[in-house]
């Protein structure tokens, strides 16, 4: 693994989210996309984490925020779902580079679907499969291992499930190699971890289908750092029963976490409980927000 020396500076911009800031000219959409700008020893990398589901809205927001697609150096896809992957090929065309790293888990392109209220595929849509990504200039890096993106910044790779109260958060199915219909455990759910000065972490999630407590513990083990400056992303508690929300918030509250900024699939009930526990150290995510660390 590349060095996990701290970054000098980290900026996270919410380029796409379900809601927008008050009086914002940006467009909201169901989905999530974060622009991560990391700096170490004069080296600056701009990494796009997920692309939500509407490239027109994403590129509109980039334009309004003064973000040039051509400045993007890599893309990380946290999991297969359409509200994080749809339009990836169009975004890559707008970036206009060749061999642009696109990092994801090897299971990214599998069938992933729901059967209630009817059969519907919710994984990577047609038009954003392997061939289209590569034709648009992307170079796929598919691995279940943590992948360093630069000094102080890495993906988590596969996150080990340890808790007995966390789950995928939605009833999903896939078809295994024997042609059998099975529950989909979302092994492809990965996150990004940044190391900051002061030995603190910033954890960036897509939907936390691996469980946000599992992800936080995994990040601490991966980096050897226990303190968490911020968790930022979706927690997929929108349909969680009250006891899971309570156990999740209690577990997070027992960790050395300074702030939680959660939106998208987190759900209102979970946001309320997070606000109660963390006070003004919790904020709902909105399109247009920018976070600067340290």
Protein backbone atom coordinates (compact mmCIF):
# COMPACT_ATOMS: atom_id res chain seq x y z
CA UNK A 1 0.00 0.00 0.00
CA UNK A 2 1.14 3.54 -0.72
CA UNK A 3 2.19 5.74 2.17
CA UNK A 4 -0.56 6.78 4.55
CA UNK A 5 1.25 9.90 5.63
CA UNK A 6 -1.30 12.68 6.16
CA UNK A 7 -2.51 14.86 3.34
CA UNK A 8 -1.68 18.55 3.56
CA UNK A 9 -5.20 19.56 2.57
CA UNK A 10 -8.52 17.99 1.63
CA UNK A 11 -11.61 19.61 0.10
CA UNK A 12 -14.89 17.78 -0.52
CA UNK A 13 -17.57 19.38 -2.70
CA UNK A 14 -21.08 17.91 -2.93
CA UNK A 15 -21.71 18.03 -6.68
CA UNK A 16 -24.93 16.00 -6.65
CA UNK A 17 -27.33 15.07 -3.87
CA UNK A 18 -31.06 14.63 -3.38
CA UNK A 19 -31.50 18.16 -2.01
CA UNK A 20 -29.94 21.54 -2.73
CA UNK A 21 -28.90 24.47 -0.57
CA UNK A 22 -31.31 27.37 -0.02
CA UNK A 23 -31.54 29.65 -3.08
CA UNK A 24 -29.03 27.48 -4.92
CA UNK A 25 -28.84 27.53 -8.73
CA UNK A 26 -27.82 23.87 -8.69
CA UNK A 27 -30.07 20.96 -9.61
CA UNK A 28 -30.94 18.17 -7.20
CA UNK A 29 -31.37 14.53 -8.16
CA UNK A 30 -31.75 11.22 -6.40
CA UNK A 31 -28.15 10.13 -6.13
CA UNK A 32 -24.77 11.24 -4.88
CA UNK A 33 -21.55 12.61 -6.35
CA UNK A 34 -18.64 14.14 -4.45
CA UNK A 35 -15.57 15.91 -5.81
CA UNK A 36 -12.53 15.25 -3.64
CA UNK A 37 -9.53 17.54 -4.03
CA UNK A 38 -6.49 16.22 -2.18
CA UNK A 39 -3.09 17.90 -1.85
CA UNK A 40 0.23 16.51 -0.63
CA UNK A 41 3.66 18.10 -1.13
CA UNK A 42 2.43 20.23 -4.02
CA UNK A 43 0.69 17.32 -5.79
CA UNK A 44 -3.04 17.94 -6.28
CA UNK A 45 -5.51 15.28 -7.39
CA UNK A 46 -9.20 15.76 -8.17
CA UNK A 47 -11.19 12.57 -7.70
CA UNK A 48 -14.87 12.24 -8.50
CA UNK A 49 -16.67 9.83 -6.17
CA UNK A 50 -19.77 8.48 -7.96
CA UNK A 51 -21.73 10.32 -10.67
CA UNK A 52 -25.35 10.14 -9.40
CA UNK A 53 -27.87 9.30 -12.18
CA UNK A 54 -28.22 12.31 -14.49
CA UNK A 55 -25.08 13.57 -16.24
CA UNK A 56 -26.90 16.68 -17.46
CA UNK A 57 -27.60 17.75 -13.89
CA UNK A 58 -24.11 16.77 -12.74
CA UNK A 59 -22.37 18.76 -15.48
CA UNK A 60 -24.76 21.69 -14.94
CA UNK A 61 -23.79 21.77 -11.27
CA UNK A 62 -20.09 21.53 -12.10
CA UNK A 63 -20.46 24.53 -14.39
CA UNK A 64 -22.29 26.52 -11.70
CA UNK A 65 -19.61 25.62 -9.15
CA UNK A 66 -16.72 26.50 -11.45
CA UNK A 67 -15.53 22.89 -11.69
CA UNK A 68 -13.94 21.93 -15.00
CA UNK A 69 -14.53 18.26 -15.92
CA UNK A 70 -11.09 18.25 -17.57
CA UNK A 71 -9.53 18.72 -14.13
CA UNK A 72 -10.78 15.33 -12.91
CA UNK A 73 -7.89 12.89 -12.44
CA UNK A 74 -9.78 9.73 -11.43
CA UNK A 75 -13.25 8.38 -10.66
CA UNK A 76 -14.18 6.09 -7.76
CA UNK A 77 -17.46 4.19 -7.98
CA UNK A 78 -18.62 3.09 -4.54
CA UNK A 79 -21.11 0.46 -5.74
CA UNK A 80 -23.17 -0.61 -8.72
CA UNK A 81 -26.48 1.18 -8.20
CA UNK A 82 -27.87 3.36 -10.97
CA UNK A 83 -28.12 6.46 -8.75
CA UNK A 84 -24.33 6.38 -8.41
CA UNK A 85 -23.31 5.12 -11.88
CA UNK A 86 -25.78 6.28 -14.53
CA UNK A 87 -24.18 8.58 -17.06
CA UNK A 88 -20.61 7.61 -16.16
CA UNK A 89 -19.67 7.23 -19.84
CA UNK A 90 -21.07 10.70 -20.62
CA UNK A 91 -19.14 12.21 -17.73
CA UNK A 92 -15.94 10.54 -18.94
CA UNK A 93 -16.52 12.01 -22.40
CA UNK A 94 -16.84 15.45 -20.82
CA UNK A 95 -13.56 14.90 -18.95
CA UNK A 96 -11.97 14.16 -22.30
CA UNK A 97 -8.97 12.11 -21.19
CA UNK A 98 -7.66 8.68 -22.08
CA UNK A 99 -6.76 5.99 -19.55
CA UNK A 100 -8.55 7.91 -16.78
CA UNK A 101 -8.58 5.59 -13.74
CA UNK A 102 -12.06 4.34 -12.82
CA UNK A 103 -11.81 2.45 -9.53
CA UNK A 104 -14.45 -0.02 -8.32
CA UNK A 105 -14.99 -3.53 -6.96
CA UNK A 106 -14.79 -6.50 -9.40
CA UNK A 107 -18.51 -7.27 -8.88
CA UNK A 108 -19.55 -3.89 -10.27
CA UNK A 109 -21.18 -5.15 -13.46
CA UNK A 110 -23.21 -8.06 -12.04
CA UNK A 111 -27.01 -8.26 -12.20
CA UNK A 112 -28.48 -6.49 -9.19
CA UNK A 113 -32.25 -6.20 -8.94
CA UNK A 114 -35.36 -5.95 -6.80
CA UNK A 115 -38.45 -8.10 -7.19
CA UNK A 116 -40.89 -5.93 -5.21
CA UNK A 117 -43.20 -4.40 -6.26
CA UNK A 118 -41.94 -5.81 -9.57
CA UNK A 119 -38.76 -7.06 -11.23
CA UNK A 120 -36.40 -4.13 -11.83
CA UNK A 121 -32.66 -3.97 -12.43
CA UNK A 122 -31.01 -1.34 -10.22
CA UNK A 123 -27.35 -1.97 -11.05
CA UNK A 124 -25.11 -0.34 -13.64
CA UNK A 125 -27.41 0.73 -16.51
CA UNK A 126 -27.01 -0.02 -20.19
CA UNK A 127 -24.70 2.56 -21.74
CA UNK A 128 -22.34 2.56 -18.77
CA UNK A 129 -20.96 -0.95 -18.97
CA UNK A 130 -17.32 -1.91 -19.39
CA UNK A 131 -17.14 -1.32 -23.15
CA UNK A 132 -18.77 2.13 -22.97
CA UNK A 133 -16.55 3.20 -20.08
CA UNK A 134 -13.39 2.19 -21.91
CA UNK A 135 -14.57 3.75 -25.18
CA UNK A 136 -15.14 7.02 -23.30
CA UNK A 137 -11.56 7.08 -22.02
CA UNK A 138 -11.84 5.20 -18.74
CA UNK A 139 -9.34 2.61 -17.56
CA UNK A 140 -11.01 0.22 -15.10
CA UNK A 141 -9.20 -0.70 -11.89
CA UNK A 142 -11.42 -3.41 -10.43
CA UNK A 143 -10.18 -4.78 -7.11
CA UNK A 144 -11.57 -6.00 -3.81
CA UNK A 145 -8.40 -4.79 -2.07
CA UNK A 146 -7.78 -1.26 -0.78
CA UNK A 147 -6.34 0.79 -3.64
CA UNK A 148 -4.12 3.82 -2.84
CA UNK A 149 -5.05 6.87 -4.89
CA UNK A 150 -2.18 9.03 -3.63
CA UNK A 151 -0.25 9.50 -0.40
CA UNK A 152 -2.83 9.81 2.37
CA UNK A 153 -5.83 8.73 0.29
CA UNK A 154 -7.11 5.20 -0.35
CA UNK A 155 -10.21 3.18 -1.05
CA UNK A 156 -11.32 0.69 1.59
CA UNK A 157 -11.66 -2.33 -0.64
CA UNK A 158 -14.12 -4.95 0.58
CA UNK A 159 -15.44 -4.05 4.03
CA UNK A 160 -15.72 -6.94 6.50
CA UNK A 161 -19.16 -7.23 8.08
CA UNK A 162 -18.74 -7.41 11.86
CA UNK A 163 -21.88 -5.98 13.46
CA UNK A 164 -24.99 -8.05 14.09
CA UNK A 165 -27.42 -5.17 13.50
CA UNK A 166 -26.28 -3.72 10.16
CA UNK A 167 -27.37 -4.92 6.75
CA UNK A 168 -27.61 -3.94 3.10
CA UNK A 169 -30.67 -1.83 3.87
CA UNK A 170 -32.76 -2.93 0.89
CA UNK A 171 -33.99 -6.28 -0.38
CA UNK A 172 -31.74 -7.00 -3.37
CA UNK A 173 -31.25 -10.11 -5.50
CA UNK A 174 -28.66 -11.37 -7.91
CA UNK A 175 -28.04 -14.58 -9.86
CA UNK A 176 -25.00 -16.64 -8.89
CA UNK A 177 -22.64 -18.61 -11.14
CA UNK A 178 -24.93 -21.63 -10.97
CA UNK A 179 -27.90 -19.65 -12.22
CA UNK A 180 -29.57 -19.55 -8.81
CA UNK A 181 -31.52 -16.59 -7.46
CA UNK A 182 -29.82 -15.42 -4.24
CA UNK A 183 -29.80 -12.42 -1.94
CA UNK A 184 -27.20 -9.83 -2.95
CA UNK A 185 -24.89 -8.97 0.00
CA UNK A 186 -23.47 -5.95 -1.88
CA UNK A 187 -19.85 -7.04 -1.57
CA UNK A 188 -18.96 -4.26 -4.00
CA UNK A 189 -19.80 -1.49 -1.50
CA UNK A 190 -16.54 0.41 -0.96
CA UNK A 191 -15.68 3.79 0.53
CA UNK A 192 -12.79 6.26 0.48
CA UNK A 193 -10.56 7.16 3.42
CA UNK A 194 -8.32 10.22 3.77
CA UNK A 195 -5.69 10.72 6.47
CA UNK A 196 -5.42 14.27 7.83
CA UNK A 197 -2.80 16.01 9.94
CA UNK A 198 -3.31 15.15 13.59
CA UNK A 199 -3.87 11.48 12.70
CA UNK A 200 -7.58 11.97 11.98
CA UNK A 201 -9.60 10.37 9.19
CA UNK A 202 -12.25 11.58 6.77
CA UNK A 203 -14.47 8.74 5.58
CA UNK A 204 -16.43 9.24 2.33
CA UNK A 205 -19.28 6.83 1.62
CA UNK A 206 -21.71 6.25 -1.22
CA UNK A 207 -24.57 4.39 0.48
CA UNK A 208 -22.84 2.43 3.27
CA UNK A 209 -24.47 -0.85 2.24
CA UNK A 210 -21.64 -2.52 4.19
CA UNK A 211 -22.87 -0.69 7.31
CA UNK A 212 -21.41 2.62 8.42
CA UNK A 213 -20.18 1.17 11.73
CA UNK A 214 -18.43 -1.62 9.85
CA UNK A 215 -16.93 0.94 7.47
CA UNK A 216 -15.65 3.17 10.29
CA UNK A 217 -14.03 0.23 12.09
CA UNK A 218 -12.55 -1.05 8.85
CA UNK A 219 -11.07 2.38 8.07
CA UNK A 220 -9.49 2.57 11.52
CA UNK A 221 -7.91 -0.88 11.13
CA UNK A 222 -6.76 -0.12 7.58
CA UNK A 223 -5.00 3.12 8.47
CA UNK A 224 -4.01 2.55 12.08
CA UNK A 225 -5.83 5.75 13.05
CA UNK A 226 -8.77 5.77 15.44
CA UNK A 227 -9.85 9.41 15.40
CA UNK A 228 -12.40 10.39 12.75
CA UNK A 229 -12.59 14.04 11.73
CA UNK A 230 -15.73 13.47 9.67
CA UNK A 231 -17.98 10.90 8.04
CA UNK A 232 -19.52 12.26 4.85
CA UNK A 233 -21.98 10.57 2.49
CA UNK A 234 -25.01 8.29 2.50
CA UNK A 235 -25.75 5.86 5.37
CA UNK A 236 -28.74 3.97 3.85
CA UNK A 237 -30.93 3.99 6.92
CA UNK A 238 -33.93 5.38 5.03
CA UNK A 239 -35.92 2.15 5.46
CA UNK A 240 -34.18 0.89 8.60
CA UNK A 241 -36.28 -0.13 11.63
CA UNK A 242 -35.98 2.13 14.68
CA UNK A 243 -33.80 -0.32 16.62
CA UNK A 244 -31.19 -0.43 13.87
CA UNK A 245 -31.11 3.36 13.73
CA UNK A 246 -30.70 3.51 17.50
CA UNK A 247 -27.93 0.91 17.55
CA UNK A 248 -26.13 2.63 14.66
CA UNK A 249 -26.27 6.08 16.24
CA UNK A 250 -25.23 4.69 19.63
CA UNK A 251 -22.25 2.90 18.05
CA UNK A 252 -21.17 6.01 16.15
CA UNK A 253 -21.64 8.11 19.27
CA UNK A 254 -19.26 5.81 21.12
CA UNK A 255 -16.49 6.37 18.57
CA UNK A 256 -14.09 9.33 18.47
CA UNK A 257 -16.03 11.02 15.65
CA UNK A 258 -15.98 14.80 15.43
CA UNK A 259 -18.65 15.33 12.77
CA UNK A 260 -21.17 13.50 10.59
CA UNK A 261 -22.50 14.97 7.34
CA UNK A 262 -25.06 12.50 5.99
CA UNK A 263 -27.71 12.68 3.27
CA UNK A 264 -29.01 10.94 0.16
CA UNK A 265 -30.19 7.52 1.44
CA UNK A 266 -29.73 8.26 5.15
CA UNK A 267 -33.39 9.03 5.78
CA UNK A 268 -35.11 11.67 7.91
CA UNK A 269 -35.55 9.50 11.01
CA UNK A 270 -31.85 8.66 11.10
CA UNK A 271 -30.92 12.30 10.50
CA UNK A 272 -33.08 13.31 13.47
CA UNK A 273 -31.35 10.80 15.74
CA UNK A 274 -27.92 11.83 14.50
CA UNK A 275 -28.77 15.45 15.23
CA UNK A 276 -29.87 14.53 18.74
CA UNK A 277 -26.64 12.64 19.38
CA UNK A 278 -24.10 14.88 17.65
CA UNK A 279 -25.84 18.25 17.95
CA UNK A 280 -24.39 20.85 15.61
CA UNK A 281 -21.65 18.36 14.71
CA UNK A 282 -24.24 16.78 12.41
CA UNK A 283 -25.46 18.41 9.20
CA UNK A 284 -27.63 16.99 6.40
CA UNK A 285 -25.83 16.90 3.06
CA UNK A 286 -26.99 19.23 0.29
CA UNK A 287 -25.82 19.89 -3.24
CA UNK A 288 -23.34 22.76 -3.28
CA UNK A 289 -21.84 22.20 0.14
CA UNK A 290 -18.07 22.41 0.44
CA UNK A 291 -15.99 21.00 3.29
CA UNK A 292 -12.36 21.94 3.82
CA UNK A 293 -9.97 19.98 6.05
CA UNK A 294 -8.03 20.27 8.29
